[in-house]
Amino acid sequence: MNQFQDKLDQTSKRFDITLYLADFGGEETHEEVERLKKIAKEKGTDVIVGLDGGKAIDTSKTVATGHTLIVYPTIKATDAPNSHSAVSYTTDHHFYDCDYFI
């Protein structure tokens, strides 16, 4: 995330907005989604930004239900920003569910 911090700081200043960083735990699990939703609610966020690769972007899509979503892929090969679905896993890395977004 350090490679993007300068740009995030510039964006925050330019548009007079407050950005809150919520580190992604590495796997889209129900627990991770609920943890991030709780942070978003506590901070009173209006917009969720998914920044990184496919798993982080899929997680941000699920967290953003009811919010505006911005995705910023940092890996060329990811198709997560173009997909209308997100796959979730259990905490022991087994397939759990697939959410579909319209």
N, C-alpha and C. Protein backbone atom coordinates (compact mmCIF):
# COMPACT_ATOMS: atom_id res chain seq x y z
N MET A 1 0.82 -1.19 0.00
CA MET A 1 0.00 0.00 0.00
C MET A 1 0.87 1.26 0.00
N ASN A 2 2.08 1.13 0.47
CA ASN A 2 2.96 2.30 0.53
C ASN A 2 3.16 2.96 -0.83
N GLN A 3 3.16 2.15 -1.90
CA GLN A 3 3.40 2.71 -3.23
C GLN A 3 2.26 3.61 -3.68
N PHE A 4 1.09 3.51 -3.05
CA PHE A 4 -0.06 4.32 -3.43
C PHE A 4 -0.36 5.43 -2.43
N GLN A 5 0.31 5.42 -1.29
CA GLN A 5 -0.04 6.36 -0.23
C GLN A 5 0.06 7.81 -0.68
N ASP A 6 1.09 8.16 -1.43
CA ASP A 6 1.26 9.54 -1.90
C ASP A 6 0.08 9.97 -2.76
N LYS A 7 -0.33 9.11 -3.67
CA LYS A 7 -1.48 9.43 -4.54
C LYS A 7 -2.77 9.52 -3.73
N LEU A 8 -2.93 8.65 -2.75
CA LEU A 8 -4.12 8.72 -1.90
C LEU A 8 -4.14 10.01 -1.10
N ASP A 9 -3.00 10.41 -0.58
CA ASP A 9 -2.91 11.67 0.17
C ASP A 9 -3.23 12.86 -0.73
N GLN A 10 -2.71 12.85 -1.96
CA GLN A 10 -3.00 13.93 -2.91
C GLN A 10 -4.49 14.00 -3.23
N THR A 11 -5.10 12.84 -3.44
CA THR A 11 -6.53 12.78 -3.75
C THR A 11 -7.35 13.31 -2.59
N SER A 12 -6.99 12.90 -1.39
CA SER A 12 -7.69 13.35 -0.20
C SER A 12 -7.64 14.87 -0.06
N LYS A 13 -6.47 15.42 -0.27
CA LYS A 13 -6.29 16.88 -0.15
C LYS A 13 -7.01 17.61 -1.28
N ARG A 14 -6.85 17.13 -2.50
CA ARG A 14 -7.44 17.81 -3.66
C ARG A 14 -8.97 17.89 -3.58
N PHE A 15 -9.59 16.81 -3.12
CA PHE A 15 -11.06 16.77 -3.08
C PHE A 15 -11.63 16.99 -1.69
N ASP A 16 -10.77 17.31 -0.72
CA ASP A 16 -11.18 17.58 0.64
C ASP A 16 -12.06 16.45 1.20
N ILE A 17 -11.50 15.24 1.11
CA ILE A 17 -12.20 14.07 1.64
C ILE A 17 -11.31 13.36 2.64
N THR A 18 -11.93 12.59 3.49
CA THR A 18 -11.19 11.79 4.46
C THR A 18 -11.19 10.35 3.98
N LEU A 19 -10.00 9.78 3.89
CA LEU A 19 -9.85 8.39 3.50
C LEU A 19 -9.48 7.57 4.73
N TYR A 20 -10.14 6.44 4.90
CA TYR A 20 -9.84 5.53 6.00
C TYR A 20 -9.29 4.24 5.41
N LEU A 21 -8.18 3.80 5.91
CA LEU A 21 -7.56 2.57 5.45
C LEU A 21 -8.04 1.41 6.32
N ALA A 22 -8.53 0.38 5.68
CA ALA A 22 -8.90 -0.85 6.37
C ALA A 22 -8.14 -1.98 5.69
N ASP A 23 -7.12 -2.49 6.31
CA ASP A 23 -6.31 -3.54 5.72
C ASP A 23 -7.15 -4.78 5.43
N PHE A 24 -6.92 -5.37 4.27
CA PHE A 24 -7.60 -6.58 3.85
C PHE A 24 -6.87 -7.79 4.41
N GLY A 25 -7.60 -8.73 4.98
CA GLY A 25 -7.02 -9.90 5.62
C GLY A 25 -6.50 -10.97 4.69
N GLY A 26 -6.74 -10.84 3.37
CA GLY A 26 -6.16 -11.77 2.41
C GLY A 26 -7.11 -12.79 1.81
N GLU A 27 -8.29 -12.97 2.41
CA GLU A 27 -9.25 -13.93 1.89
C GLU A 27 -10.65 -13.38 2.09
N GLU A 28 -11.50 -13.52 1.09
CA GLU A 28 -12.88 -13.05 1.26
C GLU A 28 -13.68 -14.10 2.01
N THR A 29 -13.75 -13.91 3.31
CA THR A 29 -14.57 -14.78 4.16
C THR A 29 -15.72 -13.96 4.72
N HIS A 30 -16.73 -14.65 5.21
CA HIS A 30 -17.86 -13.96 5.84
C HIS A 30 -17.36 -13.08 6.99
N GLU A 31 -16.43 -13.62 7.76
CA GLU A 31 -15.89 -12.88 8.91
C GLU A 31 -15.17 -11.61 8.46
N GLU A 32 -14.39 -11.73 7.37
CA GLU A 32 -13.65 -10.56 6.87
C GLU A 32 -14.60 -9.50 6.34
N VAL A 33 -15.61 -9.93 5.61
CA VAL A 33 -16.60 -8.98 5.09
C VAL A 33 -17.31 -8.27 6.24
N GLU A 34 -17.73 -9.00 7.24
CA GLU A 34 -18.42 -8.39 8.38
C GLU A 34 -17.51 -7.44 9.14
N ARG A 35 -16.23 -7.80 9.28
CA ARG A 35 -15.27 -6.92 9.97
C ARG A 35 -15.13 -5.60 9.21
N LEU A 36 -15.01 -5.69 7.89
CA LEU A 36 -14.85 -4.47 7.09
C LEU A 36 -16.14 -3.65 7.02
N LYS A 37 -17.29 -4.32 6.99
CA LYS A 37 -18.56 -3.60 7.03
C LYS A 37 -18.70 -2.82 8.34
N LYS A 38 -18.25 -3.43 9.43
CA LYS A 38 -18.31 -2.77 10.74
C LYS A 38 -17.44 -1.51 10.74
N ILE A 39 -16.25 -1.60 10.18
CA ILE A 39 -15.36 -0.43 10.09
C ILE A 39 -16.02 0.65 9.25
N ALA A 40 -16.58 0.28 8.11
CA ALA A 40 -17.24 1.26 7.23
C ALA A 40 -18.39 1.95 7.96
N LYS A 41 -19.15 1.18 8.72
CA LYS A 41 -20.28 1.76 9.46
C LYS A 41 -19.78 2.70 10.56
N GLU A 42 -18.77 2.26 11.31
CA GLU A 42 -18.21 3.09 12.38
C GLU A 42 -17.66 4.41 11.85
N LYS A 43 -17.06 4.38 10.66
CA LYS A 43 -16.47 5.59 10.07
C LYS A 43 -17.49 6.42 9.30
N GLY A 44 -18.68 5.88 9.09
CA GLY A 44 -19.71 6.61 8.36
C GLY A 44 -19.36 6.82 6.90
N THR A 45 -18.79 5.82 6.27
CA THR A 45 -18.32 5.97 4.89
C THR A 45 -19.48 6.07 3.90
N ASP A 46 -19.24 6.82 2.85
CA ASP A 46 -20.19 6.94 1.74
C ASP A 46 -19.77 6.09 0.56
N VAL A 47 -18.47 5.84 0.43
CA VAL A 47 -17.91 5.15 -0.72
C VAL A 47 -16.92 4.09 -0.22
N ILE A 48 -16.97 2.93 -0.84
CA ILE A 48 -16.00 1.87 -0.57
C ILE A 48 -15.06 1.80 -1.76
N VAL A 49 -13.75 1.75 -1.50
CA VAL A 49 -12.76 1.65 -2.57
C VAL A 49 -12.03 0.32 -2.42
N GLY A 50 -12.06 -0.47 -3.48
CA GLY A 50 -11.31 -1.72 -3.52
C GLY A 50 -10.01 -1.48 -4.26
N LEU A 51 -8.90 -1.59 -3.57
CA LEU A 51 -7.59 -1.28 -4.14
C LEU A 51 -6.68 -2.48 -3.97
N ASP A 52 -6.34 -3.15 -5.06
CA ASP A 52 -5.38 -4.26 -5.05
C ASP A 52 -5.80 -5.26 -6.10
N GLY A 53 -5.65 -6.56 -5.81
CA GLY A 53 -5.95 -7.62 -6.75
C GLY A 53 -7.37 -8.16 -6.61
N GLY A 54 -7.61 -9.28 -7.26
CA GLY A 54 -8.95 -9.84 -7.36
C GLY A 54 -9.66 -10.13 -6.06
N LYS A 55 -8.99 -10.74 -5.10
CA LYS A 55 -9.64 -11.07 -3.83
C LYS A 55 -10.04 -9.82 -3.06
N ALA A 56 -9.16 -8.83 -3.04
CA ALA A 56 -9.48 -7.58 -2.35
C ALA A 56 -10.64 -6.87 -3.04
N ILE A 57 -10.65 -6.89 -4.37
CA ILE A 57 -11.73 -6.23 -5.11
C ILE A 57 -13.03 -6.99 -4.92
N ASP A 58 -13.01 -8.33 -4.97
CA ASP A 58 -14.22 -9.10 -4.71
C ASP A 58 -14.76 -8.80 -3.32
N THR A 59 -13.87 -8.72 -2.35
CA THR A 59 -14.30 -8.41 -0.98
C THR A 59 -14.92 -7.03 -0.91
N SER A 60 -14.32 -6.05 -1.58
CA SER A 60 -14.87 -4.69 -1.55
C SER A 60 -16.25 -4.64 -2.19
N LYS A 61 -16.50 -5.47 -3.21
CA LYS A 61 -17.83 -5.51 -3.83
C LYS A 61 -18.87 -5.98 -2.82
N THR A 62 -18.53 -6.99 -2.04
CA THR A 62 -19.46 -7.51 -1.04
C THR A 62 -19.64 -6.52 0.11
N VAL A 63 -18.57 -5.90 0.54
CA VAL A 63 -18.64 -4.90 1.61
C VAL A 63 -19.46 -3.70 1.18
N ALA A 64 -19.39 -3.34 -0.10
CA ALA A 64 -20.02 -2.11 -0.60
C ALA A 64 -21.52 -2.22 -0.82
N THR A 65 -22.12 -3.36 -0.58
CA THR A 65 -23.56 -3.49 -0.80
C THR A 65 -24.28 -2.33 -0.11
N GLY A 66 -24.98 -1.53 -0.91
CA GLY A 66 -25.67 -0.35 -0.39
C GLY A 66 -24.85 0.92 -0.42
N HIS A 67 -23.59 0.83 -0.82
CA HIS A 67 -22.70 1.99 -0.92
C HIS A 67 -22.24 2.15 -2.37
N THR A 68 -21.69 3.29 -2.68
CA THR A 68 -21.01 3.47 -3.95
C THR A 68 -19.69 2.72 -3.89
N LEU A 69 -19.28 2.10 -4.98
CA LEU A 69 -18.05 1.33 -5.03
C LEU A 69 -17.13 1.86 -6.12
N ILE A 70 -15.86 2.01 -5.78
CA ILE A 70 -14.81 2.33 -6.75
C ILE A 70 -13.79 1.21 -6.65
N VAL A 71 -13.41 0.64 -7.80
CA VAL A 71 -12.37 -0.39 -7.79
C VAL A 71 -11.14 0.12 -8.52
N TYR A 72 -9.98 -0.19 -7.97
CA TYR A 72 -8.71 0.23 -8.54
C TYR A 72 -7.78 -0.98 -8.55
N PRO A 73 -7.80 -1.75 -9.65
CA PRO A 73 -6.94 -2.93 -9.71
C PRO A 73 -5.47 -2.54 -9.82
N THR A 74 -4.63 -3.26 -9.13
CA THR A 74 -3.19 -2.99 -9.18
C THR A 74 -2.43 -4.12 -9.85
N ILE A 75 -3.17 -5.11 -10.32
CA ILE A 75 -2.58 -6.25 -11.01
C ILE A 75 -3.21 -6.33 -12.39
N LYS A 76 -2.40 -6.37 -13.43
CA LYS A 76 -2.91 -6.35 -14.80
C LYS A 76 -3.89 -7.47 -15.11
N ALA A 77 -3.66 -8.66 -14.61
CA ALA A 77 -4.42 -9.82 -15.04
C ALA A 77 -5.77 -10.00 -14.35
N THR A 78 -6.09 -9.20 -13.37
CA THR A 78 -7.32 -9.43 -12.63
C THR A 78 -8.54 -9.06 -13.47
N ASP A 79 -9.57 -9.89 -13.42
CA ASP A 79 -10.83 -9.56 -14.08
C ASP A 79 -11.90 -9.17 -13.05
N ALA A 80 -11.52 -9.11 -11.80
CA ALA A 80 -12.48 -8.80 -10.73
C ALA A 80 -13.22 -7.48 -10.95
N PRO A 81 -12.59 -6.41 -11.47
CA PRO A 81 -13.33 -5.16 -11.66
C PRO A 81 -14.43 -5.29 -12.70
N ASN A 82 -14.29 -6.23 -13.62
CA ASN A 82 -15.27 -6.39 -14.69
C ASN A 82 -16.33 -7.43 -14.37
N SER A 83 -16.14 -8.16 -13.33
CA SER A 83 -17.03 -9.25 -12.97
C SER A 83 -18.18 -8.75 -12.11
N HIS A 84 -19.34 -9.35 -12.33
CA HIS A 84 -20.51 -9.01 -11.52
C HIS A 84 -20.75 -10.07 -10.45
N SER A 85 -19.65 -10.67 -10.00
CA SER A 85 -19.75 -11.68 -8.95
C SER A 85 -18.53 -11.58 -8.04
N ALA A 86 -18.65 -12.23 -6.90
CA ALA A 86 -17.53 -12.30 -5.96
C ALA A 86 -17.60 -13.66 -5.26
N VAL A 87 -16.49 -14.35 -5.23
CA VAL A 87 -16.42 -15.66 -4.59
C VAL A 87 -15.94 -15.48 -3.16
N SER A 88 -16.57 -16.18 -2.24
CA SER A 88 -16.13 -16.12 -0.84
C SER A 88 -15.70 -17.51 -0.39
N TYR A 89 -14.86 -17.50 0.64
CA TYR A 89 -14.25 -18.73 1.13
C TYR A 89 -14.43 -18.85 2.64
N THR A 90 -14.21 -20.05 3.16
CA THR A 90 -14.20 -20.23 4.60
C THR A 90 -12.83 -19.81 5.13
N THR A 91 -12.72 -19.70 6.43
CA THR A 91 -11.45 -19.29 7.02
C THR A 91 -10.34 -20.31 6.78
N ASP A 92 -10.71 -21.55 6.44
CA ASP A 92 -9.68 -22.55 6.12
C ASP A 92 -9.52 -22.72 4.60
N HIS A 93 -9.91 -21.66 3.84
CA HIS A 93 -9.64 -21.52 2.40
C HIS A 93 -10.40 -22.49 1.49
N HIS A 94 -11.60 -22.87 1.89
CA HIS A 94 -12.45 -23.69 1.03
C HIS A 94 -13.58 -22.82 0.47
N PHE A 95 -14.02 -23.16 -0.73
CA PHE A 95 -15.13 -22.42 -1.35
C PHE A 95 -16.33 -22.39 -0.41
N TYR A 96 -16.95 -21.20 -0.30
CA TYR A 96 -18.12 -21.04 0.56
C TYR A 96 -19.34 -20.66 -0.25
N ASP A 97 -19.23 -19.58 -1.05
CA ASP A 97 -20.40 -19.06 -1.74
C ASP A 97 -19.96 -18.16 -2.88
N CYS A 98 -20.90 -17.82 -3.73
CA CYS A 98 -20.65 -16.86 -4.80
C CYS A 98 -21.79 -15.84 -4.77
N ASP A 99 -21.45 -14.57 -4.63
CA ASP A 99 -22.42 -13.49 -4.63
C ASP A 99 -22.48 -12.89 -6.02
N TYR A 100 -23.67 -12.54 -6.48
CA TYR A 100 -23.85 -11.94 -7.79
C TYR A 100 -24.42 -10.54 -7.62
N PHE A 101 -23.88 -9.60 -8.37
CA PHE A 101 -24.29 -8.20 -8.27
C PHE A 101 -24.83 -7.74 -9.62
N ILE A 102 -25.87 -6.97 -9.59
CA ILE A 102 -26.46 -6.45 -10.82
C ILE A 102 -26.06 -5.01 -11.02
